[in-house]
Amino acid sequence: MMVGGILATTAGIVGVLAGSAIASTAVSQIPIYCESQFGPTICETRSDETQQAVGYGILITGVVALGVGVPLWVIGSKRVPVKSDETTPDAPSTTPPAAPQTSLRLLVSPTSAGLRVTF
């Protein structure tokens, strides 16, 4: 849960920043030309409504991801005590673990030589 919260929070931050940038650059982006004595001139500019809608959509999605990611991160970071089962023994086993098996083998042939190490 903690990893999902971290990813959602990160995606939310990126979404908020990207959505804000996209929505804010849509203002006064489309020039409207009018006829004048000296040829066409820009009378006014309009905002790109589609770009604004996409920017606001990404911004809202980022805020929702932040709202979901932060609680997941906090709840996932809490440690949960392990309950002991009755089937598991209380005392550790007294037998030592087996020693690791390692081997070293020299391989020689008429055309090559090699060394094989196994652990």
C-alpha atoms as a PDB file:
ATOM      1  CA  MET A   1       0.000   0.000   0.000  1.00  0.00           C
ATOM      2  CA  MET A   2       2.839   2.362   0.760  1.00  0.00           C
ATOM      3  CA  VAL A   3       4.379   1.985  -2.705  1.00  0.00           C
ATOM      4  CA  GLY A   4       1.006   2.613  -4.335  1.00  0.00           C
ATOM      5  CA  GLY A   5       0.596   5.735  -2.223  1.00  0.00           C
ATOM      6  CA  ILE A   6       4.030   7.017  -3.180  1.00  0.00           C
ATOM      7  CA  LEU A   7       3.317   6.427  -6.875  1.00  0.00           C
ATOM      8  CA  ALA A   8      -0.138   8.041  -6.682  1.00  0.00           C
ATOM      9  CA  THR A   9       1.245  11.048  -4.810  1.00  0.00           C
ATOM     10  CA  THR A  10       4.046  11.486  -7.340  1.00  0.00           C
ATOM     11  CA  ALA A  11       1.606  11.173 -10.246  1.00  0.00           C
ATOM     12  CA  GLY A  12      -0.685  13.673  -8.524  1.00  0.00           C
ATOM     13  CA  ILE A  13       2.084  16.244  -8.149  1.00  0.00           C
ATOM     14  CA  VAL A  14       3.081  15.827 -11.801  1.00  0.00           C
ATOM     15  CA  GLY A  15      -0.590  16.075 -12.837  1.00  0.00           C
ATOM     16  CA  VAL A  16      -1.173  19.260 -10.862  1.00  0.00           C
ATOM     17  CA  LEU A  17       1.930  20.900 -12.332  1.00  0.00           C
ATOM     18  CA  ALA A  18       1.233  19.762 -15.906  1.00  0.00           C
ATOM     19  CA  GLY A  19      -2.471  20.647 -15.734  1.00  0.00           C
ATOM     20  CA  SER A  20      -1.690  24.101 -14.384  1.00  0.00           C
ATOM     21  CA  ALA A  21       0.851  24.718 -17.140  1.00  0.00           C
ATOM     22  CA  ILE A  22      -1.481  23.507 -19.894  1.00  0.00           C
ATOM     23  CA  ALA A  23      -4.480  25.495 -18.631  1.00  0.00           C
ATOM     24  CA  SER A  24      -2.522  28.692 -18.063  1.00  0.00           C
ATOM     25  CA  THR A  25      -0.962  28.717 -21.538  1.00  0.00           C
ATOM     26  CA  ALA A  26      -4.387  28.456 -23.219  1.00  0.00           C
ATOM     27  CA  VAL A  27      -5.248  32.099 -22.438  1.00  0.00           C
ATOM     28  CA  SER A  28      -5.200  34.551 -25.386  1.00  0.00           C
ATOM     29  CA  GLN A  29      -3.800  31.975 -27.738  1.00  0.00           C
ATOM     30  CA  ILE A  30      -6.080  32.274 -30.801  1.00  0.00           C
ATOM     31  CA  PRO A  31      -5.711  35.567 -32.719  1.00  0.00           C
ATOM     32  CA  ILE A  32      -8.799  37.089 -34.376  1.00  0.00           C
ATOM     33  CA  TYR A  33      -7.989  39.217 -37.439  1.00  0.00           C
ATOM     34  CA  CYS A  34      -9.961  42.261 -38.610  1.00  0.00           C
ATOM     35  CA  GLU A  35      -9.754  44.087 -41.911  1.00  0.00           C
ATOM     36  CA  SER A  36      -8.256  47.574 -41.704  1.00  0.00           C
ATOM     37  CA  GLN A  37      -6.809  50.170 -44.096  1.00  0.00           C
ATOM     38  CA  PHE A  38      -3.376  48.575 -44.009  1.00  0.00           C
ATOM     39  CA  GLY A  39      -4.497  44.951 -44.339  1.00  0.00           C
ATOM     40  CA  PRO A  40      -5.523  42.381 -41.758  1.00  0.00           C
ATOM     41  CA  THR A  41      -4.593  43.170 -38.162  1.00  0.00           C
ATOM     42  CA  ILE A  42      -5.200  41.375 -34.896  1.00  0.00           C
ATOM     43  CA  CYS A  43      -8.311  42.870 -33.227  1.00  0.00           C
ATOM     44  CA  GLU A  44      -8.540  40.483 -30.296  1.00  0.00           C
ATOM     45  CA  THR A  45      -7.331  37.134 -29.020  1.00  0.00           C
ATOM     46  CA  ARG A  46      -9.387  34.313 -27.611  1.00  0.00           C
ATOM     47  CA  SER A  47      -8.572  31.493 -25.270  1.00  0.00           C
ATOM     48  CA  ASP A  48      -8.256  27.950 -26.567  1.00  0.00           C
ATOM     49  CA  GLU A  49     -11.221  26.347 -24.793  1.00  0.00           C
ATOM     50  CA  THR A  50     -10.222  22.781 -25.633  1.00  0.00           C
ATOM     51  CA  GLN A  51      -6.738  23.264 -24.213  1.00  0.00           C
ATOM     52  CA  GLN A  52      -8.198  24.870 -21.089  1.00  0.00           C
ATOM     53  CA  ALA A  53     -10.596  21.940 -20.608  1.00  0.00           C
ATOM     54  CA  VAL A  54      -7.779  19.410 -21.009  1.00  0.00           C
ATOM     55  CA  GLY A  55      -5.587  21.364 -18.583  1.00  0.00           C
ATOM     56  CA  TYR A  56      -8.343  21.566 -15.977  1.00  0.00           C
ATOM     57  CA  GLY A  57      -9.079  17.851 -16.425  1.00  0.00           C
ATOM     58  CA  ILE A  58      -5.443  16.927 -15.805  1.00  0.00           C
ATOM     59  CA  LEU A  59      -5.326  19.335 -12.858  1.00  0.00           C
ATOM     60  CA  ILE A  60      -8.429  17.810 -11.232  1.00  0.00           C
ATOM     61  CA  THR A  61      -7.135  14.276 -11.852  1.00  0.00           C
ATOM     62  CA  GLY A  62      -3.844  15.249 -10.194  1.00  0.00           C
ATOM     63  CA  VAL A  63      -5.656  16.631  -7.144  1.00  0.00           C
ATOM     64  CA  VAL A  64      -7.684  13.404  -6.856  1.00  0.00           C
ATOM     65  CA  ALA A  65      -4.497  11.308  -7.151  1.00  0.00           C
ATOM     66  CA  LEU A  66      -2.929  13.406  -4.380  1.00  0.00           C
ATOM     67  CA  GLY A  67      -6.037  12.952  -2.242  1.00  0.00           C
ATOM     68  CA  VAL A  68      -5.847   9.182  -2.658  1.00  0.00           C
ATOM     69  CA  GLY A  69      -2.052   8.818  -2.591  1.00  0.00           C
ATOM     70  CA  VAL A  70      -1.270  10.655   0.644  1.00  0.00           C
ATOM     71  CA  PRO A  71      -3.598   8.533   2.853  1.00  0.00           C
ATOM     72  CA  LEU A  72      -2.368   5.343   1.166  1.00  0.00           C
ATOM     73  CA  TRP A  73       1.209   6.391   1.865  1.00  0.00           C
ATOM     74  CA  VAL A  74       0.482   7.205   5.513  1.00  0.00           C
ATOM     75  CA  ILE A  75      -1.615   4.098   6.196  1.00  0.00           C
ATOM     76  CA  GLY A  76       0.834   1.854   4.343  1.00  0.00           C
ATOM     77  CA  SER A  77       3.780   3.133   6.360  1.00  0.00           C
ATOM     78  CA  LYS A  78       2.329   2.029   9.693  1.00  0.00           C
ATOM     79  CA  ARG A  79       3.776  -1.193  11.022  1.00  0.00           C
ATOM     80  CA  VAL A  80       1.382  -4.008  11.793  1.00  0.00           C
ATOM     81  CA  PRO A  81       2.384  -6.409  14.590  1.00  0.00           C
ATOM     82  CA  VAL A  82       2.682 -10.022  13.516  1.00  0.00           C
ATOM     83  CA  LYS A  83       0.338 -12.366  15.358  1.00  0.00           C
ATOM     84  CA  SER A  84       1.955 -15.608  16.421  1.00  0.00           C
ATOM     85  CA  ASP A  85       0.258 -18.779  15.251  1.00  0.00           C
ATOM     86  CA  GLU A  86      -0.095 -21.735  17.549  1.00  0.00           C
ATOM     87  CA  THR A  87       1.543 -23.962  14.941  1.00  0.00           C
ATOM     88  CA  THR A  88       4.838 -22.058  14.948  1.00  0.00           C
ATOM     89  CA  PRO A  89       7.191 -22.926  17.796  1.00  0.00           C
ATOM     90  CA  ASP A  90       8.075 -20.217  20.307  1.00  0.00           C
ATOM     91  CA  ALA A  91      11.749 -21.183  20.626  1.00  0.00           C
ATOM     92  CA  PRO A  92      14.065 -21.154  17.610  1.00  0.00           C
ATOM     93  CA  SER A  93      15.370 -24.424  16.275  1.00  0.00           C
ATOM     94  CA  THR A  94      18.589 -25.628  17.939  1.00  0.00           C
ATOM     95  CA  THR A  95      19.965 -27.315  14.829  1.00  0.00           C
ATOM     96  CA  PRO A  96      22.437 -25.097  12.993  1.00  0.00           C
ATOM     97  CA  PRO A  97      21.855 -24.475   9.302  1.00  0.00           C
ATOM     98  CA  ALA A  98      23.783 -26.578   6.833  1.00  0.00           C
ATOM     99  CA  ALA A  99      27.090 -25.164   5.636  1.00  0.00           C
ATOM    100  CA  PRO A 100      26.959 -23.667   2.167  1.00  0.00           C
ATOM    101  CA  GLN A 101      28.231 -25.934  -0.572  1.00  0.00           C
ATOM    102  CA  THR A 102      30.929 -24.421  -2.756  1.00  0.00           C
ATOM    103  CA  SER A 103      33.056 -26.054  -5.399  1.00  0.00           C
ATOM    104  CA  LEU A 104      35.841 -25.013  -7.695  1.00  0.00           C
ATOM    105  CA  ARG A 105      36.531 -27.060 -10.822  1.00  0.00           C
ATOM    106  CA  LEU A 106      39.287 -26.559 -13.398  1.00  0.00           C
ATOM    107  CA  LEU A 107      38.217 -27.478 -16.937  1.00  0.00           C
ATOM    108  CA  VAL A 108      40.976 -28.168 -19.473  1.00  0.00           C
ATOM    109  CA  SER A 109      40.629 -29.400 -23.054  1.00  0.00           C
ATOM    110  CA  PRO A 110      42.973 -29.397 -26.049  1.00  0.00           C
ATOM    111  CA  THR A 111      41.489 -26.136 -27.396  1.00  0.00           C
ATOM    112  CA  SER A 112      40.383 -24.251 -24.258  1.00  0.00           C
ATOM    113  CA  ALA A 113      40.611 -23.945 -20.506  1.00  0.00           C
ATOM    114  CA  GLY A 114      38.074 -22.770 -17.955  1.00  0.00           C
ATOM    115  CA  LEU A 115      37.232 -22.482 -14.316  1.00  0.00           C
ATOM    116  CA  ARG A 116      33.795 -23.355 -12.951  1.00  0.00           C
ATOM    117  CA  VAL A 117      32.823 -21.957  -9.558  1.00  0.00           C
ATOM    118  CA  THR A 118      29.613 -23.107  -7.874  1.00  0.00           C
ATOM    119  CA  PHE A 119      28.121 -21.860  -4.665  1.00  0.00           C
END
